[in-house]
Amino acid sequence: MADSTFRVRVRGEMACFTRPEFSTERVSYEIITPSAARGVLEAILWKPAIRWEILSIFLLKPVRWIAFRRNEVNSRISTRDAASAALHGATLRAFFADEDRAQRNTLALRDVDYLIEARIHMTERGGAEDNPSKFREMFTRRLERGQQHYQPYLGCREFPAWVEPPNDAPAALDETRSLGLMLHDIEFGIHNEARFFQANLEHGVLQVPEWRKS
């Protein structure tokens, strides 16, 4: 592996990486998405000087499903309204979740186990002393000590992730199948744009195409 490439094991009791084509019900992809995997790594180490790129995802346990219903709110206060109220000292309209909720079905994953291979890229916000080796050592140290900026999670915040070095990780499952169109990541800009790719599991490994800005 290159000096800036990492392998990390990610596990959890439950996970839900919601497919965007289901507008009301939550239905998970069969495997963690690259954007969710990036979020897990950023929970361990995020700096303006670096950007995480997910290279591949290894499926270490069979895909298992769990279905349940839960209460979810139908609406939320916009960030713009909250910022405006804070700036002008205004009072926001009272919101009561009990009056604005609905039961929705969720088809989630259970007992998940992945190996994530990723690479660090330097950004234009890096300083003169920043380099991939520096951040590799920083990430490795934080991973081994269990240090986190925030609790990493698997799609939904109520599904925590256990992140650890890959030393005792089993081999990927020998499974090959199409996973359909999968969310690659969000290209942030004036208009945030979701980008997708044709995902295929080859002998238990999902190869993620290179991220290129449009």
C-alpha atoms as a PDB file:
ATOM      1  CA  MET A   1       0.000   0.000   0.000  1.00  0.00           C
ATOM      2  CA  ALA A   2       1.060   3.547  -0.635  1.00  0.00           C
ATOM      3  CA  ASP A   3       2.120   5.619   2.314  1.00  0.00           C
ATOM      4  CA  SER A   4      -1.170   7.518   2.273  1.00  0.00           C
ATOM      5  CA  THR A   5      -3.418   4.420   1.997  1.00  0.00           C
ATOM      6  CA  PHE A   6      -5.211   2.892   4.985  1.00  0.00           C
ATOM      7  CA  ARG A   7      -7.264  -0.178   5.865  1.00  0.00           C
ATOM      8  CA  VAL A   8      -9.791   0.044   8.689  1.00  0.00           C
ATOM      9  CA  ARG A   9     -12.289  -2.480  10.044  1.00  0.00           C
ATOM     10  CA  VAL A  10     -15.799  -1.176  10.723  1.00  0.00           C
ATOM     11  CA  ARG A  11     -18.469  -3.208  12.545  1.00  0.00           C
ATOM     12  CA  GLY A  12     -21.881  -2.635  14.045  1.00  0.00           C
ATOM     13  CA  GLU A  13     -25.016  -4.312  15.340  1.00  0.00           C
ATOM     14  CA  MET A  14     -27.257  -2.406  12.928  1.00  0.00           C
ATOM     15  CA  ALA A  15     -26.865  -0.138   9.898  1.00  0.00           C
ATOM     16  CA  CYS A  16     -29.028   1.660   7.368  1.00  0.00           C
ATOM     17  CA  PHE A  17     -27.556   3.315   4.274  1.00  0.00           C
ATOM     18  CA  THR A  18     -30.783   4.670   2.820  1.00  0.00           C
ATOM     19  CA  ARG A  19     -31.469   4.343  -0.895  1.00  0.00           C
ATOM     20  CA  PRO A  20     -32.665   7.744  -2.197  1.00  0.00           C
ATOM     21  CA  GLU A  21     -35.315   6.297  -4.553  1.00  0.00           C
ATOM     22  CA  PHE A  22     -37.520   5.431  -1.552  1.00  0.00           C
ATOM     23  CA  SER A  23     -38.966   8.791  -0.507  1.00  0.00           C
ATOM     24  CA  THR A  24     -40.947   7.797   2.598  1.00  0.00           C
ATOM     25  CA  GLU A  25     -39.769   4.354   3.695  1.00  0.00           C
ATOM     26  CA  ARG A  26     -36.149   3.707   4.641  1.00  0.00           C
ATOM     27  CA  VAL A  27     -34.570   0.861   2.644  1.00  0.00           C
ATOM     28  CA  SER A  28     -30.847   0.280   3.015  1.00  0.00           C
ATOM     29  CA  TYR A  29     -28.284  -0.475   0.357  1.00  0.00           C
ATOM     30  CA  GLU A  30     -26.831  -3.986   0.815  1.00  0.00           C
ATOM     31  CA  ILE A  31     -23.431  -2.612   1.848  1.00  0.00           C
ATOM     32  CA  ILE A  32     -21.988   0.588   3.274  1.00  0.00           C
ATOM     33  CA  THR A  33     -21.780   3.383   0.708  1.00  0.00           C
ATOM     34  CA  PRO A  34     -18.548   5.289  -0.019  1.00  0.00           C
ATOM     35  CA  SER A  35     -19.987   8.491   1.463  1.00  0.00           C
ATOM     36  CA  ALA A  36     -20.948   6.703   4.702  1.00  0.00           C
ATOM     37  CA  ALA A  37     -17.492   5.101   4.838  1.00  0.00           C
ATOM     38  CA  ARG A  38     -15.911   8.538   4.428  1.00  0.00           C
ATOM     39  CA  GLY A  39     -18.016   9.809   7.315  1.00  0.00           C
ATOM     40  CA  VAL A  40     -16.714   7.015   9.559  1.00  0.00           C
ATOM     41  CA  LEU A  41     -13.096   7.916   8.776  1.00  0.00           C
ATOM     42  CA  GLU A  42     -13.724  11.627   9.279  1.00  0.00           C
ATOM     43  CA  ALA A  43     -15.073  10.806  12.754  1.00  0.00           C
ATOM     44  CA  ILE A  44     -11.577   9.526  13.564  1.00  0.00           C
ATOM     45  CA  LEU A  45      -9.605  12.234  11.782  1.00  0.00           C
ATOM     46  CA  TRP A  46     -10.819  15.327   9.973  1.00  0.00           C
ATOM     47  CA  LYS A  47      -8.621  18.258   9.045  1.00  0.00           C
ATOM     48  CA  PRO A  48      -9.096  21.021   6.453  1.00  0.00           C
ATOM     49  CA  ALA A  49      -5.765  19.968   4.917  1.00  0.00           C
ATOM     50  CA  ILE A  50      -6.939  16.480   3.900  1.00  0.00           C
ATOM     51  CA  ARG A  51      -9.686  14.774   1.922  1.00  0.00           C
ATOM     52  CA  TRP A  52     -10.602  11.089   2.260  1.00  0.00           C
ATOM     53  CA  GLU A  53     -11.108   8.990  -0.876  1.00  0.00           C
ATOM     54  CA  ILE A  54     -12.662   5.532  -0.499  1.00  0.00           C
ATOM     55  CA  LEU A  55     -10.925   3.002  -2.756  1.00  0.00           C
ATOM     56  CA  SER A  56     -12.655  -0.289  -1.938  1.00  0.00           C
ATOM     57  CA  ILE A  57     -14.989  -1.916   0.562  1.00  0.00           C
ATOM     58  CA  PHE A  58     -14.679  -5.555   1.631  1.00  0.00           C
ATOM     59  CA  LEU A  59     -17.776  -7.456   2.780  1.00  0.00           C
ATOM     60  CA  LEU A  60     -16.714  -9.609   5.749  1.00  0.00           C
ATOM     61  CA  LYS A  61     -20.106 -10.982   6.830  1.00  0.00           C
ATOM     62  CA  PRO A  62     -23.210 -12.067   4.876  1.00  0.00           C
ATOM     63  CA  VAL A  63     -25.885  -9.440   4.237  1.00  0.00           C
ATOM     64  CA  ARG A  64     -28.633  -9.842   6.847  1.00  0.00           C
ATOM     65  CA  TRP A  65     -31.808  -7.773   7.066  1.00  0.00           C
ATOM     66  CA  ILE A  66     -34.059  -6.543   9.852  1.00  0.00           C
ATOM     67  CA  ALA A  67     -37.415  -4.787   9.376  1.00  0.00           C
ATOM     68  CA  PHE A  68     -39.109  -2.541  11.924  1.00  0.00           C
ATOM     69  CA  ARG A  69     -41.294   0.532  12.287  1.00  0.00           C
ATOM     70  CA  ARG A  70     -40.329   3.715  14.097  1.00  0.00           C
ATOM     71  CA  ASN A  71     -41.597   7.223  14.645  1.00  0.00           C
ATOM     72  CA  GLU A  72     -40.074   9.983  12.533  1.00  0.00           C
ATOM     73  CA  VAL A  73     -40.904  13.682  12.340  1.00  0.00           C
ATOM     74  CA  ASN A  74     -42.411  14.919   9.091  1.00  0.00           C
ATOM     75  CA  SER A  75     -40.689  18.311   9.025  1.00  0.00           C
ATOM     76  CA  ARG A  76     -37.869  20.255  10.602  1.00  0.00           C
ATOM     77  CA  ILE A  77     -36.825  23.838  11.140  1.00  0.00           C
ATOM     78  CA  SER A  78     -34.628  25.101   8.327  1.00  0.00           C
ATOM     79  CA  THR A  79     -31.017  26.049   9.010  1.00  0.00           C
ATOM     80  CA  ARG A  80     -31.644  29.431   7.357  1.00  0.00           C
ATOM     81  CA  ASP A  81     -34.540  30.246   9.700  1.00  0.00           C
ATOM     82  CA  ALA A  82     -32.564  29.188  12.768  1.00  0.00           C
ATOM     83  CA  ALA A  83     -29.542  31.287  11.738  1.00  0.00           C
ATOM     84  CA  SER A  84     -31.749  34.300  11.028  1.00  0.00           C
ATOM     85  CA  ALA A  85     -33.477  33.998  14.399  1.00  0.00           C
ATOM     86  CA  ALA A  86     -30.143  33.768  16.207  1.00  0.00           C
ATOM     87  CA  LEU A  87     -28.808  36.794  14.339  1.00  0.00           C
ATOM     88  CA  HIS A  88     -31.820  39.034  15.002  1.00  0.00           C
ATOM     89  CA  GLY A  89     -32.780  37.694  18.424  1.00  0.00           C
ATOM     90  CA  ALA A  90     -36.128  36.455  17.115  1.00  0.00           C
ATOM     91  CA  THR A  91     -38.113  33.564  18.546  1.00  0.00           C
ATOM     92  CA  LEU A  92     -38.717  30.508  16.405  1.00  0.00           C
ATOM     93  CA  ARG A  93     -42.140  28.945  16.154  1.00  0.00           C
ATOM     94  CA  ALA A  94     -42.563  26.240  18.791  1.00  0.00           C
ATOM     95  CA  PHE A  95     -42.181  22.711  17.464  1.00  0.00           C
ATOM     96  CA  PHE A  96     -43.680  19.632  19.118  1.00  0.00           C
ATOM     97  CA  ALA A  97     -42.534  16.293  17.718  1.00  0.00           C
ATOM     98  CA  ASP A  98     -45.585  14.492  19.093  1.00  0.00           C
ATOM     99  CA  GLU A  99     -47.783  16.616  16.819  1.00  0.00           C
ATOM    100  CA  ASP A 100     -45.685  16.182  13.676  1.00  0.00           C
ATOM    101  CA  ARG A 101     -44.655  12.546  13.475  1.00  0.00           C
ATOM    102  CA  ALA A 102     -45.524   9.444  11.514  1.00  0.00           C
ATOM    103  CA  GLN A 103     -44.638   5.767  11.680  1.00  0.00           C
ATOM    104  CA  ARG A 104     -42.465   4.595   8.820  1.00  0.00           C
ATOM    105  CA  ASN A 105     -41.056   1.231   7.847  1.00  0.00           C
ATOM    106  CA  THR A 106     -37.302   0.668   7.899  1.00  0.00           C
ATOM    107  CA  LEU A 107     -35.482  -2.198   6.197  1.00  0.00           C
ATOM    108  CA  ALA A 108     -32.019  -2.097   7.743  1.00  0.00           C
ATOM    109  CA  LEU A 109     -28.949  -4.301   7.985  1.00  0.00           C
ATOM    110  CA  ARG A 110     -27.864  -6.207  11.077  1.00  0.00           C
ATOM    111  CA  ASP A 111     -24.550  -7.578  12.280  1.00  0.00           C
ATOM    112  CA  VAL A 112     -22.422  -5.789   9.670  1.00  0.00           C
ATOM    113  CA  ASP A 113     -18.672  -6.097   9.247  1.00  0.00           C
ATOM    114  CA  TYR A 114     -16.577  -4.289   6.631  1.00  0.00           C
ATOM    115  CA  LEU A 115     -12.986  -3.562   5.751  1.00  0.00           C
ATOM    116  CA  ILE A 116     -12.561  -0.105   4.250  1.00  0.00           C
ATOM    117  CA  GLU A 117      -9.564   0.816   2.130  1.00  0.00           C
ATOM    118  CA  ALA A 118      -9.061   4.543   1.707  1.00  0.00           C
ATOM    119  CA  ARG A 119      -6.495   7.136   0.738  1.00  0.00           C
ATOM    120  CA  ILE A 120      -5.686  10.621   1.966  1.00  0.00           C
ATOM    121  CA  HIS A 121      -5.392  13.490  -0.475  1.00  0.00           C
ATOM    122  CA  MET A 122      -3.966  16.862   0.421  1.00  0.00           C
ATOM    123  CA  THR A 123      -6.194  19.880  -0.211  1.00  0.00           C
ATOM    124  CA  GLU A 124      -5.369  23.470  -1.082  1.00  0.00           C
ATOM    125  CA  ARG A 125      -5.975  24.330   2.585  1.00  0.00           C
ATOM    126  CA  GLY A 126      -2.862  22.467   3.724  1.00  0.00           C
ATOM    127  CA  GLY A 127       0.058  24.302   5.297  1.00  0.00           C
ATOM    128  CA  ALA A 128       3.753  24.177   4.445  1.00  0.00           C
ATOM    129  CA  GLU A 129       4.391  21.467   7.066  1.00  0.00           C
ATOM    130  CA  ASP A 130       1.431  19.282   6.101  1.00  0.00           C
ATOM    131  CA  ASN A 131       2.050  16.042   4.210  1.00  0.00           C
ATOM    132  CA  PRO A 132       0.397  12.587   3.899  1.00  0.00           C
ATOM    133  CA  SER A 133       2.892  10.889   6.234  1.00  0.00           C
ATOM    134  CA  LYS A 134       2.057  13.326   9.025  1.00  0.00           C
ATOM    135  CA  PHE A 135      -1.641  12.576   8.788  1.00  0.00           C
ATOM    136  CA  ARG A 136      -1.053   8.852   8.380  1.00  0.00           C
ATOM    137  CA  GLU A 137       0.763   8.779  11.719  1.00  0.00           C
ATOM    138  CA  MET A 138      -1.915  10.949  13.305  1.00  0.00           C
ATOM    139  CA  PHE A 139      -4.745   8.731  12.045  1.00  0.00           C
ATOM    140  CA  THR A 140      -3.001   5.492  13.050  1.00  0.00           C
ATOM    141  CA  ARG A 141      -2.352   6.822  16.541  1.00  0.00           C
ATOM    142  CA  ARG A 142      -5.961   7.958  17.003  1.00  0.00           C
ATOM    143  CA  LEU A 143      -7.318   4.681  15.648  1.00  0.00           C
ATOM    144  CA  GLU A 144      -5.205   2.566  17.996  1.00  0.00           C
ATOM    145  CA  ARG A 145      -6.149   4.718  21.003  1.00  0.00           C
ATOM    146  CA  GLY A 146      -9.846   4.800  20.143  1.00  0.00           C
ATOM    147  CA  GLN A 147      -9.859   8.605  19.821  1.00  0.00           C
ATOM    148  CA  GLN A 148     -12.750  10.177  17.901  1.00  0.00           C
ATOM    149  CA  HIS A 149     -13.986  13.668  17.058  1.00  0.00           C
ATOM    150  CA  TYR A 150     -17.516  12.267  17.423  1.00  0.00           C
ATOM    151  CA  GLN A 151     -19.143   8.842  17.604  1.00  0.00           C
ATOM    152  CA  PRO A 152     -18.936   7.235  14.138  1.00  0.00           C
ATOM    153  CA  TYR A 153     -22.201   5.741  12.944  1.00  0.00           C
ATOM    154  CA  LEU A 154     -23.546   3.464  10.225  1.00  0.00           C
ATOM    155  CA  GLY A 155     -25.957   5.536   8.176  1.00  0.00           C
ATOM    156  CA  CYS A 156     -28.141   6.688  11.102  1.00  0.00           C
ATOM    157  CA  ARG A 157     -26.825   8.217  14.313  1.00  0.00           C
ATOM    158  CA  GLU A 158     -28.626   5.635  16.438  1.00  0.00           C
ATOM    159  CA  PHE A 159     -26.502   2.882  14.827  1.00  0.00           C
ATOM    160  CA  PRO A 160     -22.988   3.339  16.283  1.00  0.00           C
ATOM    161  CA  ALA A 161     -19.932   1.930  14.525  1.00  0.00           C
ATOM    162  CA  TRP A 162     -16.981   0.154  16.102  1.00  0.00           C
ATOM    163  CA  VAL A 163     -13.825   1.195  14.280  1.00  0.00           C
ATOM    164  CA  GLU A 164     -10.558  -0.645  14.788  1.00  0.00           C
ATOM    165  CA  PRO A 165      -7.307  -1.661  13.081  1.00  0.00           C
ATOM    166  CA  PRO A 166      -7.734  -4.486  10.534  1.00  0.00           C
ATOM    167  CA  ASN A 167      -5.301  -6.879  12.227  1.00  0.00           C
ATOM    168  CA  ASP A 168      -7.814  -9.656  13.031  1.00  0.00           C
ATOM    169  CA  ALA A 169     -10.231  -9.062  10.169  1.00  0.00           C
ATOM    170  CA  PRO A 170     -11.409 -12.187   8.310  1.00  0.00           C
ATOM    171  CA  ALA A 171     -11.166 -12.584   4.545  1.00  0.00           C
ATOM    172  CA  ALA A 172     -13.837 -11.080   2.315  1.00  0.00           C
ATOM    173  CA  LEU A 173     -16.774 -13.321   1.431  1.00  0.00           C
ATOM    174  CA  ASP A 174     -16.660 -14.989  -1.962  1.00  0.00           C
ATOM    175  CA  GLU A 175     -19.782 -13.261  -3.280  1.00  0.00           C
ATOM    176  CA  THR A 176     -20.275 -11.678  -6.684  1.00  0.00           C
ATOM    177  CA  ARG A 177     -23.400  -9.747  -7.685  1.00  0.00           C
ATOM    178  CA  SER A 178     -24.673  -6.409  -8.931  1.00  0.00           C
ATOM    179  CA  LEU A 179     -25.659  -3.861  -6.279  1.00  0.00           C
ATOM    180  CA  GLY A 180     -27.297  -1.454  -8.730  1.00  0.00           C
ATOM    181  CA  LEU A 181     -26.783   2.293  -8.782  1.00  0.00           C
ATOM    182  CA  MET A 182     -25.116   3.417  -5.548  1.00  0.00           C
ATOM    183  CA  LEU A 183     -24.514   6.843  -4.075  1.00  0.00           C
ATOM    184  CA  HIS A 184     -20.855   7.728  -4.540  1.00  0.00           C
ATOM    185  CA  ASP A 185     -20.842  11.008  -2.645  1.00  0.00           C
ATOM    186  CA  ILE A 186     -22.162  14.557  -2.694  1.00  0.00           C
ATOM    187  CA  GLU A 187     -20.382  17.198  -4.730  1.00  0.00           C
ATOM    188  CA  PHE A 188     -20.764  20.297  -2.592  1.00  0.00           C
ATOM    189  CA  GLY A 189     -21.093  23.656  -4.252  1.00  0.00           C
ATOM    190  CA  ILE A 190     -23.671  26.325  -5.003  1.00  0.00           C
ATOM    191  CA  HIS A 191     -26.056  23.478  -5.773  1.00  0.00           C
ATOM    192  CA  ASN A 192     -25.123  20.275  -3.952  1.00  0.00           C
ATOM    193  CA  GLU A 193     -25.271  17.339  -6.368  1.00  0.00           C
ATOM    194  CA  ALA A 194     -25.563  13.626  -5.540  1.00  0.00           C
ATOM    195  CA  ARG A 195     -23.419  11.427  -7.794  1.00  0.00           C
ATOM    196  CA  PHE A 196     -23.948   7.725  -8.416  1.00  0.00           C
ATOM    197  CA  PHE A 197     -22.059   4.804  -9.931  1.00  0.00           C
ATOM    198  CA  GLN A 198     -22.853   1.244 -11.017  1.00  0.00           C
ATOM    199  CA  ALA A 199     -21.797  -0.838  -8.014  1.00  0.00           C
ATOM    200  CA  ASN A 200     -20.692  -4.447  -8.371  1.00  0.00           C
ATOM    201  CA  LEU A 201     -19.530  -6.830  -5.671  1.00  0.00           C
ATOM    202  CA  GLU A 202     -16.682  -8.969  -7.031  1.00  0.00           C
ATOM    203  CA  HIS A 203     -15.640 -11.833  -4.758  1.00  0.00           C
ATOM    204  CA  GLY A 204     -16.735  -9.826  -1.752  1.00  0.00           C
ATOM    205  CA  VAL A 205     -15.042  -6.563  -2.790  1.00  0.00           C
ATOM    206  CA  LEU A 206     -16.690  -3.358  -3.978  1.00  0.00           C
ATOM    207  CA  GLN A 207     -14.248  -1.322  -6.042  1.00  0.00           C
ATOM    208  CA  VAL A 208     -15.100   2.380  -5.838  1.00  0.00           C
ATOM    209  CA  PRO A 209     -14.394   4.477  -8.935  1.00  0.00           C
ATOM    210  CA  GLU A 210     -12.064   7.434  -8.636  1.00  0.00           C
ATOM    211  CA  TRP A 211     -13.753  10.623  -7.485  1.00  0.00           C
ATOM    212  CA  ARG A 212     -13.461  13.381 -10.041  1.00  0.00           C
ATOM    213  CA  LYS A 213     -14.932  16.848  -9.733  1.00  0.00           C
ATOM    214  CA  SER A 214     -17.298  17.713 -12.545  1.00  0.00           C
END
